[in-house]
Amino acid sequence: MLYPASGKIVPHTWDPDVLAPADAIERLAEGNRRFCEGRPAHATRAFSAELAQRPQRPFAIVLGCSDSRTPVELLFDQGFGDLFVVRIAGNVVAPSVVGSIEFAASQFGTRLVVVLGHTGCGAIAATLGAITTGNGPESRNLRSITDRIAPHIEPAVAMRQTAADADFMRSLMRANVRASAWHLRQGSQILEALVLAGRVAVVGGDYELETGCVRFFDGVPLP
């Protein structure tokens, strides 16, 4: 049991076989290397009733973007039940996202949370357009996404003197990833307690559409 600042008891399933954060990152990195090199281990996996009936024991939680070009299990070359994946445009941290990650971390004993951004992110581009033109999306549902991203990239946009290029867009994406990772570490009593106890690490990464490579760059624990 854990006791966050609220004093409430939070149930936590401790599984001694769950990978430590650094080991989980290495497993993800190895899978991504296989993906990039064209030798995936799980590309042809078919349905298995045995796998479907096993209890959930994902070794990592991934908050990714809903972009159709970023299928998380494929780019990390992981199989059935390996990852607990939450995908939302712009990998923003909305209440339902936090709740989903809290559930996985507190119930399955998973020790690694990855916030995964990517190059060519449409949500970042839409937010940049809203900031520079002053005209946000007409849909309030779309604005709920760009409004969450805007505070994280506005300082960099304000300092930019020239037109946006690929490197600048990557820097905005990474700023948004860092902000989302920080929100998960600090904006959830359950996750904060797990992080402070050394049970969970929340890290950031980016997926490069042009190469297929993932790089971890924020909050990465020492091996």
Protein backbone atom coordinates (compact mmCIF):
# COMPACT_ATOMS: atom_id res chain seq x y z
CA MET A 1 0.00 0.00 0.00
CA LEU A 2 1.06 3.59 -0.67
CA TYR A 3 0.00 6.72 1.15
CA PRO A 4 -0.03 9.84 -1.05
CA ALA A 5 -0.31 13.38 0.31
CA SER A 6 -4.09 12.98 0.65
CA GLY A 7 -3.57 10.27 3.27
CA LYS A 8 -5.72 7.83 1.31
CA ILE A 9 -4.50 4.29 0.83
CA VAL A 10 -3.77 3.45 -2.78
CA PRO A 11 -3.76 -0.24 -3.70
CA HIS A 12 -0.71 -1.34 -5.63
CA THR A 13 -0.01 -4.74 -7.06
CA TRP A 14 3.69 -5.35 -6.61
CA ASP A 15 5.14 -7.86 -9.03
CA PRO A 16 8.80 -8.66 -8.37
CA ASP A 17 9.15 -9.85 -11.96
CA VAL A 18 8.25 -6.48 -13.50
CA LEU A 19 11.25 -4.86 -15.19
CA ALA A 20 13.01 -1.97 -13.50
CA PRO A 21 12.65 1.32 -15.45
CA ALA A 22 16.16 1.23 -16.93
CA ASP A 23 15.70 -2.38 -18.05
CA ALA A 24 12.30 -1.59 -19.54
CA ILE A 25 13.82 1.28 -21.53
CA GLU A 26 16.52 -1.06 -22.86
CA ARG A 27 13.88 -3.58 -23.91
CA LEU A 28 12.00 -0.86 -25.77
CA ALA A 29 15.22 0.39 -27.37
CA GLU A 30 16.13 -3.13 -28.51
CA GLY A 31 12.67 -3.57 -30.03
CA ASN A 32 12.96 -0.28 -31.84
CA ARG A 33 16.34 -1.30 -33.23
CA ARG A 34 14.79 -4.49 -34.63
CA PHE A 35 11.97 -2.41 -36.14
CA CYS A 36 14.41 0.02 -37.78
CA GLU A 37 16.59 -2.79 -39.10
CA GLY A 38 13.65 -4.63 -40.64
CA ARG A 39 13.87 -7.73 -38.46
CA PRO A 40 10.84 -7.52 -36.14
CA ALA A 41 10.08 -10.47 -33.89
CA HIS A 42 6.32 -9.91 -33.66
CA ALA A 43 5.32 -8.87 -37.18
CA THR A 44 3.35 -12.02 -37.97
CA ARG A 45 1.83 -12.79 -34.57
CA ALA A 46 -1.75 -14.03 -34.91
CA PHE A 47 -4.53 -14.22 -32.33
CA SER A 48 -3.83 -16.50 -29.39
CA ALA A 49 -6.56 -17.43 -26.91
CA GLU A 50 -3.85 -18.30 -24.38
CA LEU A 51 -2.31 -14.84 -24.58
CA ALA A 52 -5.71 -13.16 -24.48
CA GLN A 53 -6.63 -14.91 -21.24
CA ARG A 54 -3.45 -14.10 -19.34
CA PRO A 55 -3.60 -11.43 -16.60
CA GLN A 56 -2.23 -8.06 -17.66
CA ARG A 57 1.42 -7.55 -16.82
CA PRO A 58 2.68 -4.87 -19.24
CA PHE A 59 6.31 -3.94 -18.69
CA ALA A 60 5.80 -0.32 -19.86
CA ILE A 61 3.04 2.27 -20.15
CA VAL A 62 3.21 4.48 -23.23
CA LEU A 63 1.34 7.74 -23.76
CA GLY A 64 1.59 8.36 -27.48
CA CYS A 65 0.00 10.45 -30.21
CA SER A 66 -2.99 9.09 -32.13
CA ASP A 67 -1.25 9.79 -35.46
CA SER A 68 -1.84 6.76 -37.69
CA ARG A 69 1.88 6.62 -38.52
CA THR A 70 2.92 5.94 -34.91
CA PRO A 71 1.67 2.45 -34.00
CA VAL A 72 3.38 2.02 -30.65
CA GLU A 73 3.54 -1.79 -30.44
CA LEU A 74 4.97 -1.99 -33.95
CA LEU A 75 7.66 0.66 -33.60
CA PHE A 76 8.85 -0.95 -30.35
CA ASP A 77 8.39 -4.46 -31.80
CA GLN A 78 6.40 -5.69 -28.81
CA GLY A 79 3.73 -8.33 -28.64
CA PHE A 80 0.37 -9.10 -27.11
CA GLY A 81 0.15 -7.81 -23.54
CA ASP A 82 3.62 -6.24 -23.43
CA LEU A 83 2.58 -2.57 -23.42
CA PHE A 84 -0.26 -0.56 -21.89
CA VAL A 85 -0.83 2.11 -24.53
CA VAL A 86 -2.81 5.35 -24.28
CA ARG A 87 -3.02 7.38 -27.49
CA ILE A 88 -4.41 10.88 -27.88
CA ALA A 89 -3.64 13.66 -30.37
CA GLY A 90 -0.56 15.57 -29.31
CA ASN A 91 0.07 13.14 -26.40
CA VAL A 92 -1.66 15.68 -24.18
CA VAL A 93 -2.40 14.94 -20.53
CA ALA A 94 -6.16 15.13 -20.05
CA PRO A 95 -7.89 13.79 -16.88
CA SER A 96 -8.95 10.55 -18.56
CA VAL A 97 -5.37 10.02 -19.71
CA VAL A 98 -4.05 10.49 -16.18
CA GLY A 99 -6.67 8.10 -14.86
CA SER A 100 -5.74 5.44 -17.41
CA ILE A 101 -2.04 5.68 -16.52
CA GLU A 102 -2.78 5.71 -12.78
CA PHE A 103 -4.82 2.54 -13.25
CA ALA A 104 -2.04 0.71 -15.05
CA ALA A 105 0.72 1.84 -12.68
CA SER A 106 -1.24 1.09 -9.52
CA GLN A 107 -2.83 -2.19 -10.58
CA PHE A 108 -0.22 -3.94 -12.71
CA GLY A 109 2.99 -2.88 -10.99
CA THR A 110 4.36 -1.41 -14.23
CA ARG A 111 7.38 0.73 -13.42
CA LEU A 112 8.00 2.73 -16.62
CA VAL A 113 5.82 5.42 -18.19
CA VAL A 114 6.92 6.82 -21.56
CA VAL A 115 5.49 10.00 -23.08
CA LEU A 116 6.18 9.60 -26.79
CA GLY A 117 6.04 12.51 -29.22
CA HIS A 118 6.91 12.36 -32.90
CA THR A 119 8.17 14.50 -35.76
CA GLY A 120 5.58 15.91 -38.12
CA CYS A 121 2.97 16.10 -35.35
CA GLY A 122 -0.23 17.69 -36.66
CA ALA A 123 -1.34 18.76 -33.19
CA ILE A 124 1.88 20.75 -32.72
CA ALA A 125 1.48 22.34 -36.16
CA ALA A 126 -2.15 23.24 -35.44
CA THR A 127 -1.19 24.78 -32.10
CA LEU A 128 1.61 26.78 -33.71
CA GLY A 129 -0.87 28.07 -36.30
CA ALA A 130 -3.33 29.07 -33.57
CA ILE A 131 -0.63 30.96 -31.69
CA THR A 132 0.80 32.81 -34.69
CA THR A 133 -2.53 33.74 -36.28
CA GLY A 134 -4.67 34.12 -33.18
CA ASN A 135 -7.27 31.87 -34.78
CA GLY A 136 -7.74 28.55 -33.04
CA PRO A 137 -9.78 25.60 -34.33
CA GLU A 138 -13.50 26.25 -34.65
CA SER A 139 -14.33 23.04 -32.81
CA ARG A 140 -14.13 23.39 -29.05
CA ASN A 141 -13.10 19.74 -28.91
CA LEU A 142 -10.09 20.45 -31.12
CA ARG A 143 -9.35 23.57 -29.07
CA SER A 144 -9.23 21.38 -25.96
CA ILE A 145 -6.13 19.81 -27.51
CA THR A 146 -4.39 22.92 -28.83
CA ASP A 147 -5.18 24.83 -25.64
CA ARG A 148 -3.34 22.18 -23.62
CA ILE A 149 -0.29 22.33 -25.89
CA ALA A 150 -0.09 26.11 -26.34
CA PRO A 151 1.33 27.08 -22.90
CA HIS A 152 4.17 24.62 -23.37
CA ILE A 153 5.38 26.01 -26.70
CA GLU A 154 4.40 29.70 -26.55
CA PRO A 155 7.70 30.87 -24.98
CA ALA A 156 9.72 29.29 -27.81
CA VAL A 157 7.35 30.63 -30.46
CA ALA A 158 7.59 34.14 -29.00
CA MET A 159 11.38 34.08 -29.27
CA ARG A 160 11.45 32.74 -32.83
CA GLN A 161 12.49 35.36 -35.38
CA THR A 162 12.34 33.31 -38.59
CA ALA A 163 9.96 30.87 -40.23
CA ALA A 164 9.54 27.50 -38.58
CA ASP A 165 11.72 24.69 -39.92
CA ALA A 166 11.97 20.99 -39.09
CA ASP A 167 14.41 21.53 -36.22
CA PHE A 168 12.20 24.18 -34.66
CA MET A 169 9.12 21.97 -34.94
CA ARG A 170 11.05 19.15 -33.28
CA SER A 171 11.99 21.48 -30.43
CA LEU A 172 8.32 22.38 -29.95
CA MET A 173 7.35 18.72 -29.94
CA ARG A 174 10.00 17.96 -27.35
CA ALA A 175 8.87 20.87 -25.17
CA ASN A 176 5.37 19.45 -25.23
CA VAL A 177 6.65 15.97 -24.34
CA ARG A 178 8.63 17.36 -21.40
CA ALA A 179 5.57 19.24 -20.15
CA SER A 180 3.36 16.15 -20.40
CA ALA A 181 5.94 14.05 -18.55
CA TRP A 182 6.23 16.69 -15.83
CA HIS A 183 2.44 16.81 -15.51
CA LEU A 184 2.30 13.07 -14.95
CA ARG A 185 5.09 13.24 -12.34
CA GLN A 186 3.60 16.21 -10.48
CA GLY A 187 -0.11 16.33 -11.31
CA SER A 188 -1.20 12.94 -10.00
CA GLN A 189 -0.97 12.00 -6.33
CA ILE A 190 -0.76 8.31 -7.20
CA LEU A 191 2.00 8.71 -9.79
CA GLU A 192 3.86 11.27 -7.69
CA ALA A 193 3.91 8.85 -4.75
CA LEU A 194 5.19 6.05 -6.96
CA VAL A 195 7.88 8.27 -8.49
CA LEU A 196 9.02 9.54 -5.08
CA ALA A 197 9.15 5.97 -3.80
CA GLY A 198 11.41 5.03 -6.71
CA ARG A 199 8.86 2.53 -7.99
CA VAL A 200 8.00 4.34 -11.25
CA ALA A 201 9.95 6.50 -13.71
CA VAL A 202 8.24 8.84 -16.19
CA VAL A 203 10.40 9.57 -19.22
CA GLY A 204 10.03 11.39 -22.52
CA GLY A 205 10.93 10.22 -25.99
CA ASP A 206 10.44 11.14 -29.61
CA TYR A 207 9.76 8.99 -32.64
CA GLU A 208 11.32 10.14 -35.89
CA LEU A 209 8.95 9.41 -38.74
CA GLU A 210 11.76 9.84 -41.25
CA THR A 211 13.93 7.04 -39.83
CA GLY A 212 11.72 4.99 -37.51
CA CYS A 213 14.07 5.66 -34.59
CA VAL A 214 12.97 6.47 -31.03
CA ARG A 215 15.17 8.58 -28.77
CA PHE A 216 14.64 8.90 -25.01
CA PHE A 217 15.63 12.33 -23.75
CA ASP A 218 13.77 13.38 -20.59
CA GLY A 219 13.89 11.82 -17.14
CA VAL A 220 15.82 8.75 -18.29
CA PRO A 221 17.02 6.83 -15.21
CA LEU A 222 20.59 5.67 -14.82
CA PRO A 223 21.10 1.96 -15.58
